[in-house]
Amino acid sequence: MKGLILKDLYMMKKYCKAYLLITVVFIAVSFAGSENLFFTFYPCLLCGMIPVNLLAYDERSKWLQYSETMPYTKGEIVSGKYLIGLCTQLAILLIIGIARAIRMDISDASALREYLVLMMLVLIMSLLASSITLPFMFKFGVEKGRMAYYIMIGVVCAGSIISSNLLSGEVQSEIKLNGILPIICFVGIGLYALSWYLSIVFYKRREI
């Protein structure tokens, strides 16, 4: 497993530099004062797509067939992609959290509540990016499963609009009082775990 993760880290270093640049630009725009939450959510979407792109490079180079000769199970190959995705998403979530905390001045109680709501929304969107896309990729392959990527673009765009409404006025207060958002966060984590399991099942059944 460590070898698989190390391989993906090397591939990220070589092929995913553009993701880092785009992420920095979007976070900078968000930090500069843009009220459009798309600039906050999109970096998480990009990080959620990193395992998909790594899987695409694996397929293109025929590494998946080559891996059959190695002492790795299909479950370990799937898990490596999910762990890489989870680590990158949490790293970006931390960076976004620091940037938003500086901008929002969370020393104020109301600003702190708004900040926590926003971070939970970002976590949900971040987890959905991988949860929805990866099972399709492992079941059908990257090319046939790419439609899930475009679906995720639409989900993020819609989510940024909905989240902007949730963070305003009475709707925000309602969410804080009834505790729906924390429950949704746990559901998001559960979906990620379910997606992980389904990807393992689909990939074991897939002929390489």
N, C-alpha and C. Protein backbone atom coordinates (compact mmCIF):
# COMPACT_ATOMS: atom_id res chain seq x y z
N MET A 1 0.82 -1.21 0.00
CA MET A 1 0.00 0.00 0.00
C MET A 1 0.86 1.27 0.00
N LYS A 2 1.94 1.25 0.80
CA LYS A 2 2.83 2.42 0.82
C LYS A 2 3.44 2.68 -0.55
N GLY A 3 3.77 1.59 -1.26
CA GLY A 3 4.33 1.74 -2.60
C GLY A 3 3.34 2.37 -3.55
N LEU A 4 2.07 2.00 -3.46
CA LEU A 4 1.03 2.56 -4.33
C LEU A 4 0.85 4.05 -4.07
N ILE A 5 0.83 4.42 -2.80
CA ILE A 5 0.66 5.83 -2.45
C ILE A 5 1.86 6.64 -2.89
N LEU A 6 3.06 6.08 -2.72
CA LEU A 6 4.27 6.78 -3.15
C LEU A 6 4.27 6.97 -4.67
N LYS A 7 3.83 5.95 -5.40
CA LYS A 7 3.74 6.07 -6.86
C LYS A 7 2.80 7.20 -7.25
N ASP A 8 1.64 7.27 -6.60
CA ASP A 8 0.67 8.32 -6.92
C ASP A 8 1.20 9.71 -6.53
N LEU A 9 1.97 9.79 -5.46
CA LEU A 9 2.56 11.08 -5.07
C LEU A 9 3.55 11.56 -6.13
N TYR A 10 4.35 10.64 -6.65
CA TYR A 10 5.28 11.00 -7.72
C TYR A 10 4.51 11.45 -8.96
N MET A 11 3.41 10.77 -9.27
CA MET A 11 2.61 11.14 -10.43
C MET A 11 1.95 12.50 -10.22
N MET A 12 1.50 12.77 -9.01
CA MET A 12 0.94 14.08 -8.71
C MET A 12 1.97 15.18 -8.92
N LYS A 13 3.18 14.92 -8.48
CA LYS A 13 4.25 15.91 -8.62
C LYS A 13 4.54 16.20 -10.09
N LYS A 14 4.42 15.20 -10.94
CA LYS A 14 4.76 15.37 -12.35
C LYS A 14 3.60 15.90 -13.17
N TYR A 15 2.37 15.41 -12.90
CA TYR A 15 1.25 15.70 -13.78
C TYR A 15 0.21 16.68 -13.22
N CYS A 16 0.26 16.96 -11.95
CA CYS A 16 -0.83 17.74 -11.34
C CYS A 16 -0.38 19.12 -10.85
N LYS A 17 0.71 19.64 -11.41
CA LYS A 17 1.17 20.96 -11.00
C LYS A 17 0.16 22.05 -11.34
N ALA A 18 -0.55 21.87 -12.46
CA ALA A 18 -1.55 22.87 -12.87
C ALA A 18 -2.66 22.98 -11.83
N TYR A 19 -2.98 21.85 -11.18
CA TYR A 19 -4.03 21.87 -10.15
C TYR A 19 -3.64 22.80 -9.01
N LEU A 20 -2.36 22.75 -8.63
CA LEU A 20 -1.88 23.59 -7.55
C LEU A 20 -2.00 25.06 -7.92
N LEU A 21 -1.62 25.39 -9.15
CA LEU A 21 -1.68 26.78 -9.60
C LEU A 21 -3.13 27.28 -9.62
N ILE A 22 -4.02 26.47 -10.20
CA ILE A 22 -5.44 26.88 -10.27
C ILE A 22 -6.02 27.02 -8.87
N THR A 23 -5.66 26.10 -7.98
CA THR A 23 -6.15 26.16 -6.61
C THR A 23 -5.70 27.44 -5.91
N VAL A 24 -4.43 27.79 -6.09
CA VAL A 24 -3.90 29.02 -5.47
C VAL A 24 -4.65 30.24 -6.01
N VAL A 25 -4.89 30.27 -7.31
CA VAL A 25 -5.60 31.42 -7.92
C VAL A 25 -7.01 31.54 -7.37
N PHE A 26 -7.72 30.43 -7.29
CA PHE A 26 -9.11 30.47 -6.81
C PHE A 26 -9.17 30.86 -5.33
N ILE A 27 -8.26 30.34 -4.53
CA ILE A 27 -8.25 30.70 -3.11
C ILE A 27 -7.91 32.17 -2.94
N ALA A 28 -6.99 32.66 -3.78
CA ALA A 28 -6.61 34.07 -3.72
C ALA A 28 -7.79 34.96 -4.08
N VAL A 29 -8.54 34.58 -5.12
CA VAL A 29 -9.72 35.36 -5.52
C VAL A 29 -10.75 35.35 -4.41
N SER A 30 -10.96 34.19 -3.80
CA SER A 30 -11.91 34.09 -2.70
C SER A 30 -11.47 34.94 -1.52
N PHE A 31 -10.17 34.90 -1.22
CA PHE A 31 -9.62 35.66 -0.11
C PHE A 31 -9.70 37.16 -0.36
N ALA A 32 -9.60 37.55 -1.64
CA ALA A 32 -9.59 38.97 -2.00
C ALA A 32 -10.94 39.64 -1.80
N GLY A 33 -11.99 38.82 -1.67
CA GLY A 33 -13.27 39.44 -1.37
C GLY A 33 -14.44 38.99 -2.22
N SER A 34 -14.24 37.98 -3.08
CA SER A 34 -15.35 37.52 -3.90
C SER A 34 -16.40 36.83 -3.04
N GLU A 35 -17.66 37.24 -3.23
CA GLU A 35 -18.74 36.63 -2.46
C GLU A 35 -19.28 35.37 -3.12
N ASN A 36 -18.83 35.07 -4.32
CA ASN A 36 -19.26 33.87 -5.03
C ASN A 36 -18.53 32.67 -4.44
N LEU A 37 -19.27 31.79 -3.79
CA LEU A 37 -18.65 30.66 -3.11
C LEU A 37 -18.11 29.62 -4.07
N PHE A 38 -18.37 29.79 -5.37
CA PHE A 38 -17.79 28.87 -6.35
C PHE A 38 -16.27 28.88 -6.25
N PHE A 39 -15.69 30.07 -5.96
CA PHE A 39 -14.23 30.18 -5.86
C PHE A 39 -13.70 29.46 -4.61
N THR A 40 -14.57 29.20 -3.66
CA THR A 40 -14.18 28.45 -2.48
C THR A 40 -14.35 26.95 -2.69
N PHE A 41 -15.42 26.57 -3.39
CA PHE A 41 -15.72 25.16 -3.57
C PHE A 41 -14.89 24.51 -4.69
N TYR A 42 -14.57 25.27 -5.73
CA TYR A 42 -13.93 24.67 -6.90
C TYR A 42 -12.58 24.02 -6.58
N PRO A 43 -11.73 24.63 -5.73
CA PRO A 43 -10.47 23.94 -5.39
C PRO A 43 -10.69 22.55 -4.80
N CYS A 44 -11.77 22.39 -4.02
CA CYS A 44 -12.07 21.07 -3.47
C CYS A 44 -12.49 20.10 -4.56
N LEU A 45 -13.23 20.62 -5.55
CA LEU A 45 -13.59 19.79 -6.69
C LEU A 45 -12.34 19.33 -7.43
N LEU A 46 -11.41 20.23 -7.63
CA LEU A 46 -10.16 19.87 -8.31
C LEU A 46 -9.42 18.76 -7.56
N CYS A 47 -9.35 18.90 -6.25
CA CYS A 47 -8.66 17.88 -5.45
C CYS A 47 -9.40 16.55 -5.51
N GLY A 48 -10.72 16.62 -5.58
CA GLY A 48 -11.50 15.40 -5.71
C GLY A 48 -11.27 14.71 -7.04
N MET A 49 -10.86 15.49 -8.06
CA MET A 49 -10.61 14.94 -9.38
C MET A 49 -9.19 14.41 -9.55
N ILE A 50 -8.30 14.71 -8.62
CA ILE A 50 -6.92 14.22 -8.74
C ILE A 50 -6.86 12.69 -8.83
N PRO A 51 -7.56 11.94 -7.97
CA PRO A 51 -7.51 10.47 -8.12
C PRO A 51 -8.03 10.01 -9.48
N VAL A 52 -9.03 10.73 -10.02
CA VAL A 52 -9.56 10.38 -11.34
C VAL A 52 -8.49 10.54 -12.41
N ASN A 53 -7.76 11.65 -12.35
CA ASN A 53 -6.71 11.88 -13.34
C ASN A 53 -5.55 10.90 -13.17
N LEU A 54 -5.23 10.55 -11.93
CA LEU A 54 -4.18 9.55 -11.71
C LEU A 54 -4.62 8.20 -12.28
N LEU A 55 -5.90 7.89 -12.11
CA LEU A 55 -6.42 6.64 -12.66
C LEU A 55 -6.37 6.67 -14.19
N ALA A 56 -6.63 7.84 -14.77
CA ALA A 56 -6.57 7.97 -16.23
C ALA A 56 -5.15 7.72 -16.74
N TYR A 57 -4.15 8.26 -16.03
CA TYR A 57 -2.76 8.01 -16.43
C TYR A 57 -2.40 6.54 -16.26
N ASP A 58 -2.94 5.90 -15.22
CA ASP A 58 -2.68 4.47 -15.04
C ASP A 58 -3.23 3.66 -16.21
N GLU A 59 -4.45 4.01 -16.64
CA GLU A 59 -5.06 3.28 -17.76
C GLU A 59 -4.30 3.54 -19.06
N ARG A 60 -3.92 4.79 -19.29
CA ARG A 60 -3.23 5.15 -20.53
C ARG A 60 -1.87 4.45 -20.64
N SER A 61 -1.19 4.31 -19.53
CA SER A 61 0.14 3.68 -19.55
C SER A 61 0.08 2.16 -19.39
N LYS A 62 -1.14 1.62 -19.31
CA LYS A 62 -1.34 0.17 -19.13
C LYS A 62 -0.81 -0.31 -17.78
N TRP A 63 -0.72 0.60 -16.81
CA TRP A 63 -0.20 0.20 -15.52
C TRP A 63 -1.16 -0.74 -14.79
N LEU A 64 -2.45 -0.58 -15.03
CA LEU A 64 -3.43 -1.43 -14.35
C LEU A 64 -3.21 -2.90 -14.72
N GLN A 65 -2.91 -3.14 -16.02
CA GLN A 65 -2.62 -4.51 -16.43
C GLN A 65 -1.31 -4.99 -15.81
N TYR A 66 -0.33 -4.10 -15.76
CA TYR A 66 0.97 -4.45 -15.19
C TYR A 66 0.86 -4.76 -13.70
N SER A 67 -0.05 -4.05 -13.03
CA SER A 67 -0.21 -4.25 -11.58
C SER A 67 -0.70 -5.65 -11.24
N GLU A 68 -1.28 -6.34 -12.24
CA GLU A 68 -1.75 -7.70 -12.00
C GLU A 68 -0.60 -8.65 -11.67
N THR A 69 0.61 -8.28 -12.09
CA THR A 69 1.78 -9.13 -11.82
C THR A 69 2.42 -8.80 -10.48
N MET A 70 1.90 -7.79 -9.79
CA MET A 70 2.48 -7.36 -8.53
C MET A 70 1.65 -7.87 -7.35
N PRO A 71 2.24 -7.87 -6.17
CA PRO A 71 1.53 -8.39 -4.99
C PRO A 71 0.55 -7.38 -4.39
N TYR A 72 -0.25 -6.76 -5.27
CA TYR A 72 -1.27 -5.82 -4.80
C TYR A 72 -2.64 -6.36 -5.15
N THR A 73 -3.55 -6.26 -4.23
CA THR A 73 -4.93 -6.64 -4.51
C THR A 73 -5.65 -5.47 -5.17
N LYS A 74 -6.76 -5.75 -5.82
CA LYS A 74 -7.54 -4.69 -6.44
C LYS A 74 -8.11 -3.74 -5.37
N GLY A 75 -8.39 -4.30 -4.21
CA GLY A 75 -8.87 -3.47 -3.12
C GLY A 75 -7.83 -2.46 -2.68
N GLU A 76 -6.56 -2.86 -2.67
CA GLU A 76 -5.48 -1.95 -2.29
C GLU A 76 -5.28 -0.86 -3.34
N ILE A 77 -5.43 -1.22 -4.61
CA ILE A 77 -5.29 -0.23 -5.68
C ILE A 77 -6.38 0.84 -5.56
N VAL A 78 -7.61 0.40 -5.31
CA VAL A 78 -8.71 1.35 -5.12
C VAL A 78 -8.47 2.20 -3.87
N SER A 79 -8.09 1.57 -2.80
CA SER A 79 -7.88 2.29 -1.53
C SER A 79 -6.79 3.33 -1.66
N GLY A 80 -5.74 3.03 -2.45
CA GLY A 80 -4.67 4.00 -2.65
C GLY A 80 -5.20 5.29 -3.26
N LYS A 81 -6.09 5.18 -4.24
CA LYS A 81 -6.67 6.36 -4.88
C LYS A 81 -7.54 7.14 -3.89
N TYR A 82 -8.32 6.44 -3.10
CA TYR A 82 -9.19 7.12 -2.13
C TYR A 82 -8.37 7.82 -1.05
N LEU A 83 -7.29 7.19 -0.62
CA LEU A 83 -6.46 7.81 0.42
C LEU A 83 -5.76 9.05 -0.12
N ILE A 84 -5.27 8.99 -1.36
CA ILE A 84 -4.65 10.16 -1.98
C ILE A 84 -5.67 11.29 -2.08
N GLY A 85 -6.87 10.95 -2.54
CA GLY A 85 -7.92 11.96 -2.66
C GLY A 85 -8.29 12.57 -1.32
N LEU A 86 -8.40 11.73 -0.30
CA LEU A 86 -8.76 12.21 1.03
C LEU A 86 -7.69 13.13 1.59
N CYS A 87 -6.44 12.76 1.44
CA CYS A 87 -5.34 13.58 1.97
C CYS A 87 -5.28 14.94 1.28
N THR A 88 -5.40 14.96 -0.04
CA THR A 88 -5.35 16.23 -0.76
C THR A 88 -6.55 17.11 -0.44
N GLN A 89 -7.72 16.51 -0.29
CA GLN A 89 -8.91 17.28 0.04
C GLN A 89 -8.80 17.90 1.43
N LEU A 90 -8.30 17.11 2.38
CA LEU A 90 -8.14 17.65 3.74
C LEU A 90 -7.09 18.75 3.77
N ALA A 91 -6.02 18.60 2.97
CA ALA A 91 -4.99 19.63 2.92
C ALA A 91 -5.55 20.93 2.37
N ILE A 92 -6.32 20.84 1.28
CA ILE A 92 -6.92 22.04 0.70
C ILE A 92 -7.97 22.63 1.62
N LEU A 93 -8.73 21.76 2.30
CA LEU A 93 -9.72 22.25 3.26
C LEU A 93 -9.04 23.04 4.37
N LEU A 94 -7.87 22.58 4.82
CA LEU A 94 -7.12 23.29 5.84
C LEU A 94 -6.67 24.67 5.34
N ILE A 95 -6.16 24.70 4.10
CA ILE A 95 -5.70 25.97 3.53
C ILE A 95 -6.86 26.94 3.37
N ILE A 96 -7.98 26.44 2.85
CA ILE A 96 -9.16 27.29 2.68
C ILE A 96 -9.65 27.78 4.04
N GLY A 97 -9.63 26.88 5.03
CA GLY A 97 -10.08 27.26 6.37
C GLY A 97 -9.24 28.38 6.95
N ILE A 98 -7.92 28.31 6.76
CA ILE A 98 -7.04 29.36 7.27
C ILE A 98 -7.31 30.67 6.55
N ALA A 99 -7.43 30.61 5.21
CA ALA A 99 -7.67 31.82 4.42
C ALA A 99 -8.99 32.48 4.80
N ARG A 100 -10.04 31.67 4.93
CA ARG A 100 -11.35 32.23 5.28
C ARG A 100 -11.37 32.76 6.70
N ALA A 101 -10.64 32.10 7.60
CA ALA A 101 -10.60 32.55 8.99
C ALA A 101 -9.96 33.93 9.09
N ILE A 102 -8.90 34.14 8.31
CA ILE A 102 -8.24 35.45 8.31
C ILE A 102 -9.18 36.52 7.75
N ARG A 103 -9.86 36.16 6.67
CA ARG A 103 -10.73 37.14 6.02
C ARG A 103 -11.96 37.47 6.85
N MET A 104 -12.54 36.47 7.50
CA MET A 104 -13.82 36.65 8.19
C MET A 104 -13.65 37.16 9.62
N ASP A 105 -12.42 37.18 10.14
CA ASP A 105 -12.20 37.64 11.51
C ASP A 105 -13.11 36.89 12.48
N ILE A 106 -12.80 35.61 12.68
CA ILE A 106 -13.69 34.73 13.44
C ILE A 106 -13.63 34.96 14.95
N SER A 107 -12.96 36.03 15.37
CA SER A 107 -13.00 36.38 16.78
C SER A 107 -14.41 36.82 17.19
N ASP A 108 -15.20 37.26 16.20
CA ASP A 108 -16.59 37.62 16.45
C ASP A 108 -17.43 36.35 16.48
N ALA A 109 -18.34 36.25 17.42
CA ALA A 109 -19.13 35.02 17.61
C ALA A 109 -19.98 34.69 16.39
N SER A 110 -20.67 35.67 15.84
CA SER A 110 -21.52 35.41 14.68
C SER A 110 -20.68 35.02 13.47
N ALA A 111 -19.50 35.65 13.32
CA ALA A 111 -18.61 35.31 12.21
C ALA A 111 -18.07 33.89 12.38
N LEU A 112 -17.82 33.50 13.61
CA LEU A 112 -17.34 32.15 13.87
C LEU A 112 -18.38 31.11 13.48
N ARG A 113 -19.64 31.37 13.81
CA ARG A 113 -20.71 30.44 13.43
C ARG A 113 -20.82 30.34 11.91
N GLU A 114 -20.77 31.48 11.25
CA GLU A 114 -20.83 31.47 9.78
C GLU A 114 -19.65 30.71 9.19
N TYR A 115 -18.49 30.88 9.80
CA TYR A 115 -17.28 30.20 9.33
C TYR A 115 -17.42 28.69 9.46
N LEU A 116 -17.94 28.22 10.59
CA LEU A 116 -18.10 26.79 10.80
C LEU A 116 -19.11 26.19 9.83
N VAL A 117 -20.19 26.92 9.56
CA VAL A 117 -21.17 26.47 8.59
C VAL A 117 -20.52 26.33 7.21
N LEU A 118 -19.74 27.35 6.82
CA LEU A 118 -19.09 27.33 5.52
C LEU A 118 -18.12 26.16 5.41
N MET A 119 -17.34 25.90 6.46
CA MET A 119 -16.37 24.81 6.41
C MET A 119 -17.07 23.45 6.30
N MET A 120 -18.20 23.30 6.95
CA MET A 120 -18.94 22.05 6.83
C MET A 120 -19.48 21.88 5.41
N LEU A 121 -19.94 22.97 4.80
CA LEU A 121 -20.41 22.91 3.42
C LEU A 121 -19.28 22.54 2.47
N VAL A 122 -18.10 23.14 2.68
CA VAL A 122 -16.94 22.82 1.84
C VAL A 122 -16.55 21.35 2.00
N LEU A 123 -16.60 20.85 3.23
CA LEU A 123 -16.29 19.44 3.48
C LEU A 123 -17.25 18.54 2.71
N ILE A 124 -18.55 18.87 2.76
CA ILE A 124 -19.55 18.07 2.06
C ILE A 124 -19.27 18.04 0.57
N MET A 125 -19.06 19.23 -0.03
CA MET A 125 -18.81 19.31 -1.47
C MET A 125 -17.53 18.58 -1.85
N SER A 126 -16.52 18.67 -0.99
CA SER A 126 -15.25 18.02 -1.25
C SER A 126 -15.41 16.49 -1.29
N LEU A 127 -16.14 15.96 -0.33
CA LEU A 127 -16.35 14.52 -0.28
C LEU A 127 -17.21 14.03 -1.44
N LEU A 128 -18.19 14.83 -1.84
CA LEU A 128 -19.07 14.42 -2.94
C LEU A 128 -18.31 14.30 -4.25
N ALA A 129 -17.29 15.15 -4.44
CA ALA A 129 -16.54 15.13 -5.69
C ALA A 129 -15.99 13.73 -5.99
N SER A 130 -15.39 13.10 -4.99
CA SER A 130 -14.85 11.76 -5.17
C SER A 130 -15.93 10.69 -5.05
N SER A 131 -16.85 10.89 -4.13
CA SER A 131 -17.86 9.87 -3.85
C SER A 131 -18.70 9.54 -5.07
N ILE A 132 -19.04 10.55 -5.85
CA ILE A 132 -19.90 10.34 -7.01
C ILE A 132 -19.09 9.84 -8.20
N THR A 133 -17.90 10.35 -8.39
CA THR A 133 -17.14 10.10 -9.61
C THR A 133 -16.40 8.76 -9.63
N LEU A 134 -15.68 8.44 -8.56
CA LEU A 134 -14.79 7.29 -8.59
C LEU A 134 -15.46 5.94 -8.84
N PRO A 135 -16.64 5.64 -8.25
CA PRO A 135 -17.25 4.35 -8.55
C PRO A 135 -17.53 4.15 -10.04
N PHE A 136 -17.94 5.21 -10.75
CA PHE A 136 -18.16 5.11 -12.19
C PHE A 136 -16.86 4.79 -12.91
N MET A 137 -15.78 5.44 -12.48
CA MET A 137 -14.49 5.24 -13.13
C MET A 137 -13.99 3.81 -12.95
N PHE A 138 -14.13 3.30 -11.74
CA PHE A 138 -13.64 1.94 -11.48
C PHE A 138 -14.54 0.88 -12.11
N LYS A 139 -15.79 1.21 -12.35
CA LYS A 139 -16.70 0.25 -12.96
C LYS A 139 -16.59 0.23 -14.48
N PHE A 140 -16.58 1.43 -15.09
CA PHE A 140 -16.64 1.53 -16.55
C PHE A 140 -15.32 1.94 -17.20
N GLY A 141 -14.34 2.37 -16.41
CA GLY A 141 -13.14 2.93 -16.97
C GLY A 141 -13.25 4.44 -17.03
N VAL A 142 -12.13 5.09 -17.23
CA VAL A 142 -12.10 6.55 -17.17
C VAL A 142 -12.90 7.19 -18.30
N GLU A 143 -12.74 6.68 -19.53
CA GLU A 143 -13.40 7.31 -20.66
C GLU A 143 -14.91 7.20 -20.56
N LYS A 144 -15.42 6.00 -20.29
CA LYS A 144 -16.86 5.81 -20.20
C LYS A 144 -17.44 6.46 -18.95
N GLY A 145 -16.63 6.54 -17.89
CA GLY A 145 -17.13 7.10 -16.65
C GLY A 145 -16.93 8.59 -16.51
N ARG A 146 -16.38 9.23 -17.57
CA ARG A 146 -16.06 10.65 -17.48
C ARG A 146 -17.30 11.52 -17.34
N MET A 147 -18.46 11.01 -17.76
CA MET A 147 -19.69 11.79 -17.63
C MET A 147 -19.94 12.19 -16.19
N ALA A 148 -19.51 11.35 -15.24
CA ALA A 148 -19.69 11.67 -13.84
C ALA A 148 -18.93 12.95 -13.47
N TYR A 149 -17.83 13.23 -14.15
CA TYR A 149 -17.07 14.46 -13.89
C TYR A 149 -17.90 15.68 -14.24
N TYR A 150 -18.57 15.63 -15.40
CA TYR A 150 -19.38 16.77 -15.81
C TYR A 150 -20.58 16.95 -14.89
N ILE A 151 -21.09 15.84 -14.39
CA ILE A 151 -22.17 15.93 -13.41
C ILE A 151 -21.68 16.65 -12.17
N MET A 152 -20.44 16.35 -11.76
CA MET A 152 -19.90 17.00 -10.56
C MET A 152 -19.71 18.49 -10.76
N ILE A 153 -19.36 18.93 -11.99
CA ILE A 153 -19.25 20.36 -12.26
C ILE A 153 -20.59 21.04 -12.01
N GLY A 154 -21.65 20.42 -12.49
CA GLY A 154 -22.99 20.97 -12.28
C GLY A 154 -23.37 20.97 -10.81
N VAL A 155 -22.98 19.91 -10.09
CA VAL A 155 -23.29 19.83 -8.66
C VAL A 155 -22.59 20.95 -7.89
N VAL A 156 -21.32 21.21 -8.22
CA VAL A 156 -20.58 22.25 -7.52
C VAL A 156 -21.17 23.63 -7.83
N CYS A 157 -21.50 23.88 -9.10
CA CYS A 157 -22.10 25.17 -9.46
C CYS A 157 -23.41 25.38 -8.71
N ALA A 158 -24.25 24.34 -8.71
CA ALA A 158 -25.52 24.45 -8.00
C ALA A 158 -25.29 24.57 -6.50
N GLY A 159 -24.31 23.80 -5.99
CA GLY A 159 -24.02 23.84 -4.57
C GLY A 159 -23.53 25.19 -4.10
N SER A 160 -22.72 25.87 -4.94
CA SER A 160 -22.22 27.18 -4.55
C SER A 160 -23.34 28.20 -4.46
N ILE A 161 -24.33 28.07 -5.36
CA ILE A 161 -25.48 28.99 -5.33
C ILE A 161 -26.34 28.72 -4.10
N ILE A 162 -26.61 27.43 -3.87
CA ILE A 162 -27.45 27.06 -2.72
C ILE A 162 -26.76 27.46 -1.42
N SER A 163 -25.44 27.23 -1.35
CA SER A 163 -24.71 27.55 -0.13
C SER A 163 -24.71 29.05 0.15
N SER A 164 -24.64 29.85 -0.92
CA SER A 164 -24.69 31.30 -0.74
C SER A 164 -26.00 31.70 -0.08
N ASN A 165 -27.08 31.01 -0.45
CA ASN A 165 -28.39 31.30 0.16
C ASN A 165 -28.45 30.79 1.59
N LEU A 166 -27.80 29.63 1.83
CA LEU A 166 -27.83 29.06 3.17
C LEU A 166 -27.07 29.94 4.18
N LEU A 167 -26.09 30.67 3.68
CA LEU A 167 -25.27 31.48 4.57
C LEU A 167 -25.82 32.90 4.73
N SER A 168 -27.06 33.07 4.39
CA SER A 168 -27.64 34.41 4.51
C SER A 168 -28.87 34.37 5.40
N GLY A 169 -28.97 35.35 6.23
CA GLY A 169 -30.19 35.64 6.97
C GLY A 169 -30.80 34.51 7.75
N GLU A 170 -32.10 34.37 7.60
CA GLU A 170 -32.88 33.44 8.41
C GLU A 170 -32.54 32.00 8.12
N VAL A 171 -32.20 31.71 6.86
CA VAL A 171 -31.90 30.32 6.52
C VAL A 171 -30.68 29.83 7.29
N GLN A 172 -29.67 30.68 7.38
CA GLN A 172 -28.46 30.31 8.12
C GLN A 172 -28.78 30.04 9.58
N SER A 173 -29.57 30.91 10.19
CA SER A 173 -29.94 30.72 11.60
C SER A 173 -30.70 29.43 11.80
N GLU A 174 -31.57 29.13 10.85
CA GLU A 174 -32.37 27.91 10.96
C GLU A 174 -31.47 26.68 10.95
N ILE A 175 -30.45 26.69 10.07
CA ILE A 175 -29.53 25.55 9.99
C ILE A 175 -28.77 25.38 11.29
N LYS A 176 -28.35 26.49 11.88
CA LYS A 176 -27.58 26.41 13.11
C LYS A 176 -28.43 25.87 14.25
N LEU A 177 -29.70 26.26 14.27
CA LEU A 177 -30.56 25.87 15.38
C LEU A 177 -30.97 24.41 15.31
N ASN A 178 -31.32 23.94 14.13
CA ASN A 178 -31.86 22.58 14.07
C ASN A 178 -30.79 21.52 13.84
N GLY A 179 -29.55 21.92 13.60
CA GLY A 179 -28.46 20.95 13.50
C GLY A 179 -28.49 20.08 12.28
N ILE A 180 -29.17 20.52 11.22
CA ILE A 180 -29.25 19.69 10.01
C ILE A 180 -27.88 19.54 9.35
N LEU A 181 -27.13 20.63 9.30
CA LEU A 181 -25.87 20.60 8.58
C LEU A 181 -24.87 19.59 9.15
N PRO A 182 -24.68 19.50 10.48
CA PRO A 182 -23.78 18.45 10.99
C PRO A 182 -24.23 17.05 10.60
N ILE A 183 -25.55 16.84 10.57
CA ILE A 183 -26.05 15.53 10.16
C ILE A 183 -25.70 15.26 8.71
N ILE A 184 -25.84 16.30 7.86
CA ILE A 184 -25.49 16.15 6.46
C ILE A 184 -24.00 15.83 6.31
N CYS A 185 -23.17 16.42 7.17
CA CYS A 185 -21.74 16.13 7.14
C CYS A 185 -21.47 14.66 7.40
N PHE A 186 -22.16 14.10 8.39
CA PHE A 186 -21.99 12.68 8.69
C PHE A 186 -22.49 11.82 7.53
N VAL A 187 -23.57 12.28 6.87
CA VAL A 187 -24.07 11.57 5.70
C VAL A 187 -23.04 11.61 4.58
N GLY A 188 -22.40 12.79 4.41
CA GLY A 188 -21.36 12.92 3.39
C GLY A 188 -20.20 11.98 3.64
N ILE A 189 -19.78 11.87 4.91
CA ILE A 189 -18.71 10.94 5.26
C ILE A 189 -19.13 9.51 5.00
N GLY A 190 -20.40 9.22 5.33
CA GLY A 190 -20.92 7.88 5.07
C GLY A 190 -20.96 7.56 3.58
N LEU A 191 -21.32 8.54 2.76
CA LEU A 191 -21.34 8.35 1.31
C LEU A 191 -19.94 8.09 0.76
N TYR A 192 -18.96 8.78 1.35
CA TYR A 192 -17.57 8.56 0.92
C TYR A 192 -17.15 7.13 1.23
N ALA A 193 -17.49 6.66 2.42
CA ALA A 193 -17.16 5.28 2.80
C ALA A 193 -17.89 4.28 1.90
N LEU A 194 -19.18 4.57 1.60
CA LEU A 194 -19.95 3.69 0.72
C LEU A 194 -19.36 3.69 -0.68
N SER A 195 -18.96 4.87 -1.17
CA SER A 195 -18.35 4.98 -2.48
C SER A 195 -17.06 4.16 -2.54
N TRP A 196 -16.28 4.24 -1.49
CA TRP A 196 -15.02 3.47 -1.38
C TRP A 196 -15.30 1.98 -1.51
N TYR A 197 -16.31 1.52 -0.78
CA TYR A 197 -16.68 0.10 -0.80
C TYR A 197 -17.17 -0.32 -2.19
N LEU A 198 -18.05 0.50 -2.79
CA LEU A 198 -18.59 0.16 -4.10
C LEU A 198 -17.49 0.13 -5.16
N SER A 199 -16.53 1.05 -5.06
CA SER A 199 -15.44 1.06 -6.04
C SER A 199 -14.63 -0.22 -5.96
N ILE A 200 -14.40 -0.70 -4.73
CA ILE A 200 -13.67 -1.97 -4.57
C ILE A 200 -14.45 -3.11 -5.19
N VAL A 201 -15.76 -3.15 -4.93
CA VAL A 201 -16.60 -4.22 -5.49
C VAL A 201 -16.61 -4.16 -7.01
N PHE A 202 -16.81 -2.96 -7.56
CA PHE A 202 -16.88 -2.80 -9.03
C PHE A 202 -15.55 -3.18 -9.67
N TYR A 203 -14.45 -2.76 -9.07
CA TYR A 203 -13.14 -2.99 -9.68
C TYR A 203 -12.77 -4.48 -9.63
N LYS A 204 -13.17 -5.16 -8.58
CA LYS A 204 -12.89 -6.60 -8.49
C LYS A 204 -13.64 -7.37 -9.58
N ARG A 205 -14.83 -6.87 -9.97
CA ARG A 205 -15.61 -7.55 -10.98
C ARG A 205 -15.21 -7.16 -12.40
N ARG A 206 -14.45 -6.10 -12.53
CA ARG A 206 -14.10 -5.58 -13.86
C ARG A 206 -12.93 -6.35 -14.47
N GLU A 207 -13.08 -6.66 -15.75
CA GLU A 207 -12.01 -7.33 -16.47
C GLU A 207 -11.03 -6.28 -16.99
N ILE A 208 -9.76 -6.40 -16.61
CA ILE A 208 -8.72 -5.46 -17.04
C ILE A 208 -8.05 -5.95 -18.32
